[in-house]
């Protein structure tokens, strides 16, 4: 994968993550992820980790992404709305 392809992938993820973020809602019980976005967010996190591992090789940044994602999930109770 060349640099232009890598940048294109990162921009694609950025656009998808921005769209997911725009669908979050806030109510008196907390912040909720939009309907159907939880599985997509989890998939993107896995793909970004794989991308970084592929282009950077073994690195601590991928582990940091996993840790921060997991902390965010536990802190905010990210779940799709029923």
N, C-alpha and C. Protein backbone atom coordinates (compact mmCIF):
# COMPACT_ATOMS: atom_id res chain seq x y z
N UNK A 1 0.86 -1.17 0.00
CA UNK A 1 0.00 0.00 0.00
C UNK A 1 0.91 1.24 0.00
N UNK A 2 0.66 2.14 -0.94
CA UNK A 2 1.49 3.34 -1.00
C UNK A 2 0.89 4.45 -0.13
N UNK A 3 1.64 5.55 -0.01
CA UNK A 3 1.22 6.64 0.88
C UNK A 3 -0.14 7.22 0.50
N UNK A 4 -0.40 7.38 -0.77
CA UNK A 4 -1.69 7.93 -1.21
C UNK A 4 -2.84 7.01 -0.83
N UNK A 5 -2.65 5.73 -0.96
CA UNK A 5 -3.68 4.76 -0.57
C UNK A 5 -3.92 4.80 0.94
N UNK A 6 -2.84 4.91 1.69
CA UNK A 6 -2.96 4.98 3.15
C UNK A 6 -3.74 6.23 3.55
N UNK A 7 -3.38 7.36 2.98
CA UNK A 7 -4.08 8.61 3.28
C UNK A 7 -5.55 8.51 2.88
N UNK A 8 -5.82 7.90 1.75
CA UNK A 8 -7.21 7.72 1.31
C UNK A 8 -8.01 6.87 2.29
N UNK A 9 -7.40 5.80 2.78
CA UNK A 9 -8.07 4.95 3.77
C UNK A 9 -8.34 5.71 5.06
N UNK A 10 -7.36 6.45 5.52
CA UNK A 10 -7.53 7.21 6.76
C UNK A 10 -8.63 8.25 6.59
N UNK A 11 -8.68 8.92 5.45
CA UNK A 11 -9.74 9.91 5.21
C UNK A 11 -11.11 9.24 5.14
N UNK A 12 -11.17 8.04 4.58
CA UNK A 12 -12.44 7.32 4.51
C UNK A 12 -12.91 6.98 5.93
N UNK A 13 -11.99 6.51 6.77
CA UNK A 13 -12.36 6.23 8.16
C UNK A 13 -12.78 7.50 8.88
N UNK A 14 -12.08 8.59 8.63
CA UNK A 14 -12.43 9.86 9.27
C UNK A 14 -13.85 10.28 8.91
N UNK A 15 -14.21 10.16 7.66
CA UNK A 15 -15.56 10.54 7.23
C UNK A 15 -16.61 9.65 7.87
N UNK A 16 -16.34 8.35 7.92
CA UNK A 16 -17.30 7.42 8.53
C UNK A 16 -17.44 7.69 10.02
N UNK A 17 -16.32 7.92 10.70
CA UNK A 17 -16.38 8.20 12.13
C UNK A 17 -17.08 9.53 12.42
N UNK A 18 -16.88 10.52 11.56
CA UNK A 18 -17.59 11.80 11.73
C UNK A 18 -19.10 11.61 11.59
N UNK A 19 -19.49 10.78 10.65
CA UNK A 19 -20.93 10.51 10.48
C UNK A 19 -21.50 9.79 11.70
N UNK A 20 -20.75 8.83 12.24
CA UNK A 20 -21.20 8.13 13.45
C UNK A 20 -21.33 9.13 14.60
N UNK A 21 -20.33 9.96 14.78
CA UNK A 21 -20.35 10.96 15.85
C UNK A 21 -21.55 11.89 15.73
N UNK A 22 -21.91 12.26 14.51
CA UNK A 22 -23.04 13.18 14.31
C UNK A 22 -24.38 12.57 14.72
N UNK A 23 -24.43 11.25 14.82
CA UNK A 23 -25.68 10.57 15.18
C UNK A 23 -25.78 10.22 16.67
N UNK A 24 -24.75 10.55 17.44
CA UNK A 24 -24.83 10.35 18.88
C UNK A 24 -25.92 11.27 19.43
N UNK A 25 -26.60 10.81 20.46
CA UNK A 25 -27.60 11.65 21.12
C UNK A 25 -27.29 11.73 22.61
N UNK A 26 -27.79 12.76 23.22
CA UNK A 26 -27.61 12.95 24.66
C UNK A 26 -28.98 13.10 25.29
N UNK A 27 -29.18 12.40 26.39
CA UNK A 27 -30.40 12.56 27.17
C UNK A 27 -30.02 12.59 28.64
N UNK A 28 -31.01 12.63 29.50
CA UNK A 28 -30.71 12.74 30.93
C UNK A 28 -29.97 11.53 31.48
N UNK A 29 -30.03 10.41 30.77
CA UNK A 29 -29.34 9.19 31.21
C UNK A 29 -27.92 9.07 30.67
N UNK A 30 -27.55 9.91 29.73
CA UNK A 30 -26.19 9.84 29.21
C UNK A 30 -26.12 10.07 27.71
N UNK A 31 -25.03 9.63 27.15
CA UNK A 31 -24.76 9.76 25.72
C UNK A 31 -25.00 8.40 25.08
N UNK A 32 -25.69 8.40 23.95
CA UNK A 32 -26.03 7.15 23.26
C UNK A 32 -25.55 7.20 21.82
N UNK A 33 -25.04 6.08 21.39
CA UNK A 33 -24.64 5.95 19.99
C UNK A 33 -25.89 5.75 19.14
N UNK A 34 -25.87 6.20 17.91
CA UNK A 34 -27.02 6.08 17.03
C UNK A 34 -27.38 4.63 16.73
N UNK A 35 -28.64 4.44 16.39
CA UNK A 35 -29.12 3.10 16.06
C UNK A 35 -28.27 2.47 14.97
N UNK A 36 -27.81 1.27 15.23
CA UNK A 36 -27.04 0.52 14.24
C UNK A 36 -25.59 0.91 14.11
N UNK A 37 -25.16 1.97 14.81
CA UNK A 37 -23.78 2.43 14.66
C UNK A 37 -22.78 1.69 15.54
N UNK A 38 -23.23 1.06 16.62
CA UNK A 38 -22.31 0.38 17.51
C UNK A 38 -21.50 -0.70 16.78
N UNK A 39 -22.14 -1.60 16.02
CA UNK A 39 -21.35 -2.62 15.31
C UNK A 39 -20.40 -1.99 14.28
N UNK A 40 -20.84 -0.93 13.63
CA UNK A 40 -19.99 -0.25 12.64
C UNK A 40 -18.79 0.38 13.32
N UNK A 41 -19.00 1.03 14.45
CA UNK A 41 -17.88 1.64 15.18
C UNK A 41 -16.88 0.58 15.61
N UNK A 42 -17.36 -0.53 16.13
CA UNK A 42 -16.47 -1.61 16.57
C UNK A 42 -15.67 -2.17 15.39
N UNK A 43 -16.32 -2.31 14.23
CA UNK A 43 -15.64 -2.81 13.04
C UNK A 43 -14.55 -1.84 12.60
N UNK A 44 -14.86 -0.57 12.61
CA UNK A 44 -13.88 0.43 12.17
C UNK A 44 -12.68 0.44 13.10
N UNK A 45 -12.92 0.34 14.40
CA UNK A 45 -11.80 0.30 15.34
C UNK A 45 -10.88 -0.87 15.02
N UNK A 46 -11.46 -2.04 14.76
CA UNK A 46 -10.64 -3.21 14.40
C UNK A 46 -9.87 -2.96 13.10
N UNK A 47 -10.54 -2.36 12.11
CA UNK A 47 -9.88 -2.11 10.83
C UNK A 47 -8.76 -1.09 10.96
N UNK A 48 -8.96 -0.05 11.75
CA UNK A 48 -7.92 0.97 11.94
C UNK A 48 -6.71 0.35 12.64
N UNK A 49 -6.97 -0.48 13.63
CA UNK A 49 -5.87 -1.17 14.31
C UNK A 49 -5.10 -2.03 13.31
N UNK A 50 -5.81 -2.78 12.48
CA UNK A 50 -5.15 -3.61 11.47
C UNK A 50 -4.36 -2.75 10.48
N UNK A 51 -4.93 -1.62 10.07
CA UNK A 51 -4.23 -0.73 9.15
C UNK A 51 -2.93 -0.23 9.77
N UNK A 52 -3.00 0.24 11.01
CA UNK A 52 -1.78 0.72 11.66
C UNK A 52 -0.77 -0.39 11.84
N UNK A 53 -1.22 -1.57 12.20
CA UNK A 53 -0.29 -2.69 12.33
C UNK A 53 0.36 -3.03 10.99
N UNK A 54 -0.42 -2.96 9.91
CA UNK A 54 0.12 -3.26 8.58
C UNK A 54 1.14 -2.23 8.13
N UNK A 55 0.86 -0.94 8.36
CA UNK A 55 1.75 0.09 7.83
C UNK A 55 2.89 0.43 8.78
N UNK A 56 2.68 0.23 10.09
CA UNK A 56 3.70 0.59 11.07
C UNK A 56 4.45 -0.60 11.64
N UNK A 57 3.91 -1.80 11.42
CA UNK A 57 4.49 -2.97 12.08
C UNK A 57 4.09 -2.95 13.55
N UNK A 58 4.75 -3.76 14.35
CA UNK A 58 4.43 -3.78 15.77
C UNK A 58 4.59 -2.37 16.36
N UNK A 59 3.56 -1.91 17.07
CA UNK A 59 3.60 -0.56 17.61
C UNK A 59 2.72 -0.45 18.85
N UNK A 60 2.99 0.53 19.65
CA UNK A 60 2.21 0.72 20.87
C UNK A 60 0.93 1.51 20.59
N UNK A 61 0.89 2.23 19.47
CA UNK A 61 -0.28 3.06 19.16
C UNK A 61 -1.52 2.20 18.98
N UNK A 62 -1.38 1.07 18.33
CA UNK A 62 -2.53 0.18 18.13
C UNK A 62 -3.08 -0.30 19.46
N UNK A 63 -2.19 -0.61 20.39
CA UNK A 63 -2.63 -1.03 21.72
C UNK A 63 -3.33 0.11 22.46
N UNK A 64 -2.85 1.32 22.24
CA UNK A 64 -3.46 2.50 22.86
C UNK A 64 -4.88 2.70 22.33
N UNK A 65 -5.08 2.50 21.03
CA UNK A 65 -6.42 2.63 20.45
C UNK A 65 -7.36 1.63 21.10
N UNK A 66 -6.92 0.40 21.24
CA UNK A 66 -7.75 -0.63 21.86
C UNK A 66 -8.10 -0.23 23.29
N UNK A 67 -7.11 0.18 24.05
CA UNK A 67 -7.34 0.56 25.44
C UNK A 67 -8.29 1.72 25.59
N UNK A 68 -8.11 2.74 24.78
CA UNK A 68 -8.97 3.91 24.88
C UNK A 68 -10.38 3.61 24.40
N UNK A 69 -10.50 2.80 23.36
CA UNK A 69 -11.83 2.41 22.90
C UNK A 69 -12.56 1.63 24.00
N UNK A 70 -11.87 0.65 24.58
CA UNK A 70 -12.49 -0.15 25.63
C UNK A 70 -12.86 0.70 26.84
N UNK A 71 -12.02 1.65 27.19
CA UNK A 71 -12.33 2.54 28.31
C UNK A 71 -13.55 3.40 27.98
N UNK A 72 -13.61 3.90 26.76
CA UNK A 72 -14.76 4.70 26.35
C UNK A 72 -16.05 3.91 26.40
N UNK A 73 -16.00 2.67 25.96
CA UNK A 73 -17.19 1.82 25.98
C UNK A 73 -17.64 1.60 27.42
N UNK A 74 -16.71 1.33 28.31
CA UNK A 74 -17.10 1.07 29.69
C UNK A 74 -17.54 2.35 30.40
N UNK A 75 -16.94 3.49 30.06
CA UNK A 75 -17.32 4.76 30.72
C UNK A 75 -18.68 5.26 30.29
N UNK A 76 -19.00 5.11 29.05
CA UNK A 76 -20.22 5.69 28.53
C UNK A 76 -21.30 4.66 28.23
N UNK A 77 -20.99 3.40 28.41
CA UNK A 77 -21.99 2.37 28.16
C UNK A 77 -22.54 2.45 26.76
N UNK A 78 -21.64 2.52 25.77
CA UNK A 78 -22.07 2.62 24.37
C UNK A 78 -22.87 1.39 23.98
N UNK A 79 -24.09 1.63 23.64
CA UNK A 79 -24.97 0.56 23.16
C UNK A 79 -25.92 1.18 22.16
N UNK A 80 -26.29 0.41 21.19
CA UNK A 80 -27.30 0.89 20.25
C UNK A 80 -28.61 1.06 21.00
N UNK A 81 -29.37 2.06 20.60
CA UNK A 81 -30.66 2.29 21.25
C UNK A 81 -31.63 1.23 20.81
N UNK A 82 -32.49 0.81 21.72
CA UNK A 82 -33.48 -0.23 21.40
C UNK A 82 -34.65 0.34 20.65
